[in-house]
Amino acid sequence: MPATRTLAATLFISLDGVVESPEKWSFPFWGDETQKFKLDETRATDALLLGRVTYEGFAAAWPTRKDDDGFADRFNTIPKYVASTTLKKLEWNNSHLIKGDLAAEVSKLKKQPGHDIVIHGSPTLVRALLPHDLIDEYRLLVYPLVLGRGKRLFDESSKASLKLTESQAFGKGVVKLVYRPAQTQSQA
């Protein structure tokens, strides 16, 4: 079987699992290590997979951004695949609407030649893909705060068995955790 691209979900997450609106709570914890991780991740990525809410937020913010590291240029030029049943037109450069069966379309994307495909945020999209075993990595930056309310990465219907493959403490109390699906007995 030919190799497939890695599909990674990357999220900022509070200690109590909240991923909603990280722009409102993550910046006080930003540091050089977080910056390097996000820049390296973006350089290893050649496609984004986004849900509607994340796409709309990114499309409003990123097209006019510039930075010395080339992060914004990379983000703005790579292909963006958007899972939405309500959007009809995508304005952000190099954006493509996923139509039809989400799992089947994402599976096709993974089979195309290339590097990592990364889901930024988009917890509804992550939960929709979870039962299909399409996500190869969960890259979580865990922030040292409890928000108490907000959209969480996983809900009561989410089920997965994961194994920790990497962990690193960053300054300001942020911890990078990388999980991959655990092998079940039938896969061993």
C-alpha atoms as a PDB file:
ATOM      1  CA  MET A   1       0.000   0.000   0.000  1.00  0.00           C
ATOM      2  CA  PRO A   2       1.476   3.410  -0.930  1.00  0.00           C
ATOM      3  CA  ALA A   3       2.364   5.818   1.857  1.00  0.00           C
ATOM      4  CA  THR A   4      -0.131   8.500   2.698  1.00  0.00           C
ATOM      5  CA  ARG A   5       0.386  12.036   3.884  1.00  0.00           C
ATOM      6  CA  THR A   6       0.186  12.704   7.596  1.00  0.00           C
ATOM      7  CA  LEU A   7      -3.003  14.442   8.674  1.00  0.00           C
ATOM      8  CA  ALA A   8      -2.343  16.299  11.911  1.00  0.00           C
ATOM      9  CA  ALA A   9      -4.746  18.249  14.090  1.00  0.00           C
ATOM     10  CA  THR A  10      -2.958  21.113  15.828  1.00  0.00           C
ATOM     11  CA  LEU A  11      -4.692  23.020  18.594  1.00  0.00           C
ATOM     12  CA  PHE A  12      -4.170  25.387  21.489  1.00  0.00           C
ATOM     13  CA  ILE A  13      -6.024  23.853  24.436  1.00  0.00           C
ATOM     14  CA  SER A  14      -6.654  24.828  28.052  1.00  0.00           C
ATOM     15  CA  LEU A  15      -6.159  22.390  30.930  1.00  0.00           C
ATOM     16  CA  ASP A  16      -9.907  21.749  30.946  1.00  0.00           C
ATOM     17  CA  GLY A  17     -10.001  20.963  27.219  1.00  0.00           C
ATOM     18  CA  VAL A  18     -11.296  24.253  25.815  1.00  0.00           C
ATOM     19  CA  VAL A  19     -10.088  25.100  22.306  1.00  0.00           C
ATOM     20  CA  GLU A  20     -12.529  27.886  21.460  1.00  0.00           C
ATOM     21  CA  SER A  21     -11.168  31.372  20.682  1.00  0.00           C
ATOM     22  CA  PRO A  22      -7.498  30.841  21.618  1.00  0.00           C
ATOM     23  CA  GLU A  23      -6.777  34.338  20.298  1.00  0.00           C
ATOM     24  CA  LYS A  24      -8.492  35.577  23.472  1.00  0.00           C
ATOM     25  CA  TRP A  25      -6.349  33.618  25.968  1.00  0.00           C
ATOM     26  CA  SER A  26      -3.159  32.178  24.427  1.00  0.00           C
ATOM     27  CA  PHE A  27      -1.085  35.284  23.629  1.00  0.00           C
ATOM     28  CA  PRO A  28       0.134  36.004  27.196  1.00  0.00           C
ATOM     29  CA  PHE A  29       1.821  32.582  27.084  1.00  0.00           C
ATOM     30  CA  TRP A  30       3.456  32.991  23.660  1.00  0.00           C
ATOM     31  CA  GLY A  31       7.213  32.556  23.606  1.00  0.00           C
ATOM     32  CA  ASP A  32      10.147  31.669  21.369  1.00  0.00           C
ATOM     33  CA  GLU A  33       9.545  27.915  21.743  1.00  0.00           C
ATOM     34  CA  THR A  34       5.915  28.203  20.703  1.00  0.00           C
ATOM     35  CA  GLN A  35       6.922  30.431  17.790  1.00  0.00           C
ATOM     36  CA  LYS A  36       9.552  27.918  16.611  1.00  0.00           C
ATOM     37  CA  PHE A  37       7.148  24.972  16.914  1.00  0.00           C
ATOM     38  CA  LYS A  38       4.427  26.723  14.870  1.00  0.00           C
ATOM     39  CA  LEU A  39       6.943  27.928  12.258  1.00  0.00           C
ATOM     40  CA  ASP A  40       8.515  24.452  11.863  1.00  0.00           C
ATOM     41  CA  GLU A  41       5.059  22.896  11.651  1.00  0.00           C
ATOM     42  CA  THR A  42       4.008  25.343   8.945  1.00  0.00           C
ATOM     43  CA  ARG A  43       7.171  24.758   6.925  1.00  0.00           C
ATOM     44  CA  ALA A  44       6.508  20.968   6.998  1.00  0.00           C
ATOM     45  CA  THR A  45       2.909  21.497   5.844  1.00  0.00           C
ATOM     46  CA  ASP A  46       1.773  21.842   2.277  1.00  0.00           C
ATOM     47  CA  ALA A  47      -1.998  21.913   2.804  1.00  0.00           C
ATOM     48  CA  LEU A  48      -4.461  23.127   5.431  1.00  0.00           C
ATOM     49  CA  LEU A  49      -7.746  21.436   6.240  1.00  0.00           C
ATOM     50  CA  LEU A  50     -10.165  23.794   7.967  1.00  0.00           C
ATOM     51  CA  GLY A  51     -13.704  23.880   9.237  1.00  0.00           C
ATOM     52  CA  ARG A  52     -15.933  26.805   8.321  1.00  0.00           C
ATOM     53  CA  VAL A  53     -15.521  28.811  11.543  1.00  0.00           C
ATOM     54  CA  THR A  54     -11.727  28.563  11.532  1.00  0.00           C
ATOM     55  CA  TYR A  55     -11.591  29.267   7.805  1.00  0.00           C
ATOM     56  CA  GLU A  56     -13.677  32.429   8.164  1.00  0.00           C
ATOM     57  CA  GLY A  57     -11.494  33.689  11.026  1.00  0.00           C
ATOM     58  CA  PHE A  58      -8.255  32.924   9.193  1.00  0.00           C
ATOM     59  CA  ALA A  59      -9.525  34.346   5.883  1.00  0.00           C
ATOM     60  CA  ALA A  60     -10.360  37.613   7.630  1.00  0.00           C
ATOM     61  CA  ALA A  61      -6.959  37.875   9.346  1.00  0.00           C
ATOM     62  CA  TRP A  62      -4.191  36.259   7.301  1.00  0.00           C
ATOM     63  CA  PRO A  63      -4.298  37.707   3.760  1.00  0.00           C
ATOM     64  CA  THR A  64      -2.938  41.093   4.891  1.00  0.00           C
ATOM     65  CA  ARG A  65      -0.330  39.806   7.359  1.00  0.00           C
ATOM     66  CA  LYS A  66       3.415  39.932   6.791  1.00  0.00           C
ATOM     67  CA  ASP A  67       6.285  38.685   8.932  1.00  0.00           C
ATOM     68  CA  ASP A  68      10.053  38.309   8.671  1.00  0.00           C
ATOM     69  CA  ASP A  69       9.970  34.509   9.108  1.00  0.00           C
ATOM     70  CA  GLY A  70       7.763  33.901   6.059  1.00  0.00           C
ATOM     71  CA  PHE A  71       5.017  32.277   8.146  1.00  0.00           C
ATOM     72  CA  ALA A  72       2.278  34.502   6.722  1.00  0.00           C
ATOM     73  CA  ASP A  73       3.447  34.039   3.130  1.00  0.00           C
ATOM     74  CA  ARG A  74       3.451  30.255   3.565  1.00  0.00           C
ATOM     75  CA  PHE A  75       0.031  30.276   5.224  1.00  0.00           C
ATOM     76  CA  ASN A  76      -1.430  32.444   2.484  1.00  0.00           C
ATOM     77  CA  THR A  77      -0.054  30.483  -0.483  1.00  0.00           C
ATOM     78  CA  ILE A  78      -0.498  26.812   0.439  1.00  0.00           C
ATOM     79  CA  PRO A  79      -3.739  25.065  -0.548  1.00  0.00           C
ATOM     80  CA  LYS A  80      -6.572  25.321   1.950  1.00  0.00           C
ATOM     81  CA  TYR A  81      -9.353  22.727   1.926  1.00  0.00           C
ATOM     82  CA  VAL A  82     -12.512  23.821   3.679  1.00  0.00           C
ATOM     83  CA  ALA A  83     -15.168  21.490   5.081  1.00  0.00           C
ATOM     84  CA  SER A  84     -18.455  23.359   5.033  1.00  0.00           C
ATOM     85  CA  THR A  85     -22.021  22.664   4.036  1.00  0.00           C
ATOM     86  CA  THR A  86     -22.980  26.346   4.135  1.00  0.00           C
ATOM     87  CA  LEU A  87     -20.163  28.239   2.389  1.00  0.00           C
ATOM     88  CA  LYS A  88     -20.616  28.676  -1.336  1.00  0.00           C
ATOM     89  CA  LYS A  89     -17.671  30.895  -2.250  1.00  0.00           C
ATOM     90  CA  LEU A  90     -14.155  31.010  -0.807  1.00  0.00           C
ATOM     91  CA  GLU A  91     -12.273  34.296  -1.112  1.00  0.00           C
ATOM     92  CA  TRP A  92      -8.908  33.450   0.477  1.00  0.00           C
ATOM     93  CA  ASN A  93      -6.177  32.616  -2.028  1.00  0.00           C
ATOM     94  CA  ASN A  94      -5.860  28.949  -3.031  1.00  0.00           C
ATOM     95  CA  SER A  95      -8.925  27.791  -1.057  1.00  0.00           C
ATOM     96  CA  HIS A  96     -11.003  24.803  -2.139  1.00  0.00           C
ATOM     97  CA  LEU A  97     -14.406  23.741  -0.847  1.00  0.00           C
ATOM     98  CA  ILE A  98     -14.793  20.072   0.077  1.00  0.00           C
ATOM     99  CA  LYS A  99     -18.009  18.785  -1.416  1.00  0.00           C
ATOM    100  CA  GLY A 100     -19.627  15.433  -0.878  1.00  0.00           C
ATOM    101  CA  ASP A 101     -18.589  12.809   1.648  1.00  0.00           C
ATOM    102  CA  LEU A 102     -16.103  14.430   4.055  1.00  0.00           C
ATOM    103  CA  ALA A 103     -14.287  11.227   5.063  1.00  0.00           C
ATOM    104  CA  ALA A 104     -13.951  10.067   1.457  1.00  0.00           C
ATOM    105  CA  GLU A 105     -12.641  13.464   0.299  1.00  0.00           C
ATOM    106  CA  VAL A 106     -10.119  13.687   3.146  1.00  0.00           C
ATOM    107  CA  SER A 107      -8.986  10.138   2.412  1.00  0.00           C
ATOM    108  CA  LYS A 108      -8.363  11.186  -1.211  1.00  0.00           C
ATOM    109  CA  LEU A 109      -6.363  14.221  -0.051  1.00  0.00           C
ATOM    110  CA  LYS A 110      -4.176  12.005   2.122  1.00  0.00           C
ATOM    111  CA  LYS A 111      -3.383   9.785  -0.881  1.00  0.00           C
ATOM    112  CA  GLN A 112      -2.141  12.691  -3.009  1.00  0.00           C
ATOM    113  CA  PRO A 113       1.616  13.231  -3.081  1.00  0.00           C
ATOM    114  CA  GLY A 114       2.920  15.830  -0.673  1.00  0.00           C
ATOM    115  CA  HIS A 115       3.797  16.644   2.892  1.00  0.00           C
ATOM    116  CA  ASP A 116       1.678  17.087   6.013  1.00  0.00           C
ATOM    117  CA  ILE A 117      -1.911  18.255   5.896  1.00  0.00           C
ATOM    118  CA  VAL A 118      -2.720  20.184   9.057  1.00  0.00           C
ATOM    119  CA  ILE A 119      -6.064  20.928  10.658  1.00  0.00           C
ATOM    120  CA  HIS A 120      -5.775  24.160  12.654  1.00  0.00           C
ATOM    121  CA  GLY A 121      -8.384  24.418  15.382  1.00  0.00           C
ATOM    122  CA  SER A 122     -11.659  23.248  13.854  1.00  0.00           C
ATOM    123  CA  PRO A 123     -12.838  20.981  16.711  1.00  0.00           C
ATOM    124  CA  THR A 124     -16.111  20.121  14.946  1.00  0.00           C
ATOM    125  CA  LEU A 125     -14.113  18.923  11.930  1.00  0.00           C
ATOM    126  CA  VAL A 126     -11.750  16.919  14.169  1.00  0.00           C
ATOM    127  CA  ARG A 127     -14.707  15.224  15.867  1.00  0.00           C
ATOM    128  CA  ALA A 128     -16.283  14.457  12.463  1.00  0.00           C
ATOM    129  CA  LEU A 129     -13.083  12.744  11.270  1.00  0.00           C
ATOM    130  CA  LEU A 130     -12.335  10.906  14.532  1.00  0.00           C
ATOM    131  CA  PRO A 131     -14.582   7.858  13.888  1.00  0.00           C
ATOM    132  CA  HIS A 132     -12.986   7.393  10.441  1.00  0.00           C
ATOM    133  CA  ASP A 133      -9.419   7.017  11.803  1.00  0.00           C
ATOM    134  CA  LEU A 134      -8.113   9.636   9.378  1.00  0.00           C
ATOM    135  CA  ILE A 135      -6.192  11.814  11.849  1.00  0.00           C
ATOM    136  CA  ASP A 136      -2.622  10.581  12.294  1.00  0.00           C
ATOM    137  CA  GLU A 137      -1.439  13.044  14.944  1.00  0.00           C
ATOM    138  CA  TYR A 138      -2.892  15.346  17.565  1.00  0.00           C
ATOM    139  CA  ARG A 139      -0.441  18.188  18.262  1.00  0.00           C
ATOM    140  CA  LEU A 140      -1.647  19.948  21.367  1.00  0.00           C
ATOM    141  CA  LEU A 141      -0.180  23.015  23.033  1.00  0.00           C
ATOM    142  CA  VAL A 142      -1.655  22.826  26.518  1.00  0.00           C
ATOM    143  CA  TYR A 143      -1.960  26.180  28.278  1.00  0.00           C
ATOM    144  CA  PRO A 144      -1.798  26.552  32.074  1.00  0.00           C
ATOM    145  CA  LEU A 145      -5.288  27.885  32.607  1.00  0.00           C
ATOM    146  CA  VAL A 146      -8.773  26.611  33.262  1.00  0.00           C
ATOM    147  CA  LEU A 147     -11.430  28.469  31.277  1.00  0.00           C
ATOM    148  CA  GLY A 148     -14.499  26.709  32.624  1.00  0.00           C
ATOM    149  CA  ARG A 149     -16.564  27.132  29.479  1.00  0.00           C
ATOM    150  CA  GLY A 150     -16.162  27.092  25.754  1.00  0.00           C
ATOM    151  CA  LYS A 151     -16.054  24.569  22.949  1.00  0.00           C
ATOM    152  CA  ARG A 152     -13.928  21.577  23.847  1.00  0.00           C
ATOM    153  CA  LEU A 153     -11.859  19.438  21.526  1.00  0.00           C
ATOM    154  CA  PHE A 154     -13.705  16.256  22.431  1.00  0.00           C
ATOM    155  CA  ASP A 155     -17.289  15.790  23.554  1.00  0.00           C
ATOM    156  CA  GLU A 156     -19.233  12.948  25.160  1.00  0.00           C
ATOM    157  CA  SER A 157     -19.539  11.113  21.826  1.00  0.00           C
ATOM    158  CA  SER A 158     -15.771  11.185  21.084  1.00  0.00           C
ATOM    159  CA  LYS A 159     -13.864   7.940  21.446  1.00  0.00           C
ATOM    160  CA  ALA A 160     -10.210   7.270  20.693  1.00  0.00           C
ATOM    161  CA  SER A 161      -7.280   5.354  22.081  1.00  0.00           C
ATOM    162  CA  LEU A 162      -4.127   7.428  21.735  1.00  0.00           C
ATOM    163  CA  LYS A 163      -0.497   7.070  22.691  1.00  0.00           C
ATOM    164  CA  LEU A 164       1.802   9.910  23.676  1.00  0.00           C
ATOM    165  CA  THR A 165       4.706  10.094  21.231  1.00  0.00           C
ATOM    166  CA  GLU A 166       6.263  13.409  22.242  1.00  0.00           C
ATOM    167  CA  SER A 167       6.144  15.863  25.100  1.00  0.00           C
ATOM    168  CA  GLN A 168       8.046  19.035  25.810  1.00  0.00           C
ATOM    169  CA  ALA A 169       7.631  21.751  28.404  1.00  0.00           C
ATOM    170  CA  PHE A 170       7.882  25.260  26.985  1.00  0.00           C
ATOM    171  CA  GLY A 171       8.442  28.434  28.938  1.00  0.00           C
ATOM    172  CA  LYS A 172       5.476  30.210  30.500  1.00  0.00           C
ATOM    173  CA  GLY A 173       3.921  26.863  31.478  1.00  0.00           C
ATOM    174  CA  VAL A 174       2.863  25.680  28.004  1.00  0.00           C
ATOM    175  CA  VAL A 175       3.335  21.967  27.291  1.00  0.00           C
ATOM    176  CA  LYS A 176       3.548  20.448  23.807  1.00  0.00           C
ATOM    177  CA  LEU A 177       1.956  17.001  23.617  1.00  0.00           C
ATOM    178  CA  VAL A 178       1.854  14.901  20.458  1.00  0.00           C
ATOM    179  CA  TYR A 179      -0.445  11.884  20.335  1.00  0.00           C
ATOM    180  CA  ARG A 180      -0.921   9.234  17.663  1.00  0.00           C
ATOM    181  CA  PRO A 181      -3.640   6.592  17.464  1.00  0.00           C
ATOM    182  CA  ALA A 182      -2.724   3.585  19.585  1.00  0.00           C
ATOM    183  CA  GLN A 183      -2.545   0.247  17.831  1.00  0.00           C
ATOM    184  CA  THR A 184      -5.380  -2.019  18.732  1.00  0.00           C
ATOM    185  CA  GLN A 185      -5.009  -5.799  18.968  1.00  0.00           C
ATOM    186  CA  SER A 186      -6.479  -6.193  15.469  1.00  0.00           C
ATOM    187  CA  GLN A 187      -3.841  -3.797  14.054  1.00  0.00           C
ATOM    188  CA  ALA A 188      -0.851  -5.384  15.806  1.00  0.00           C
END
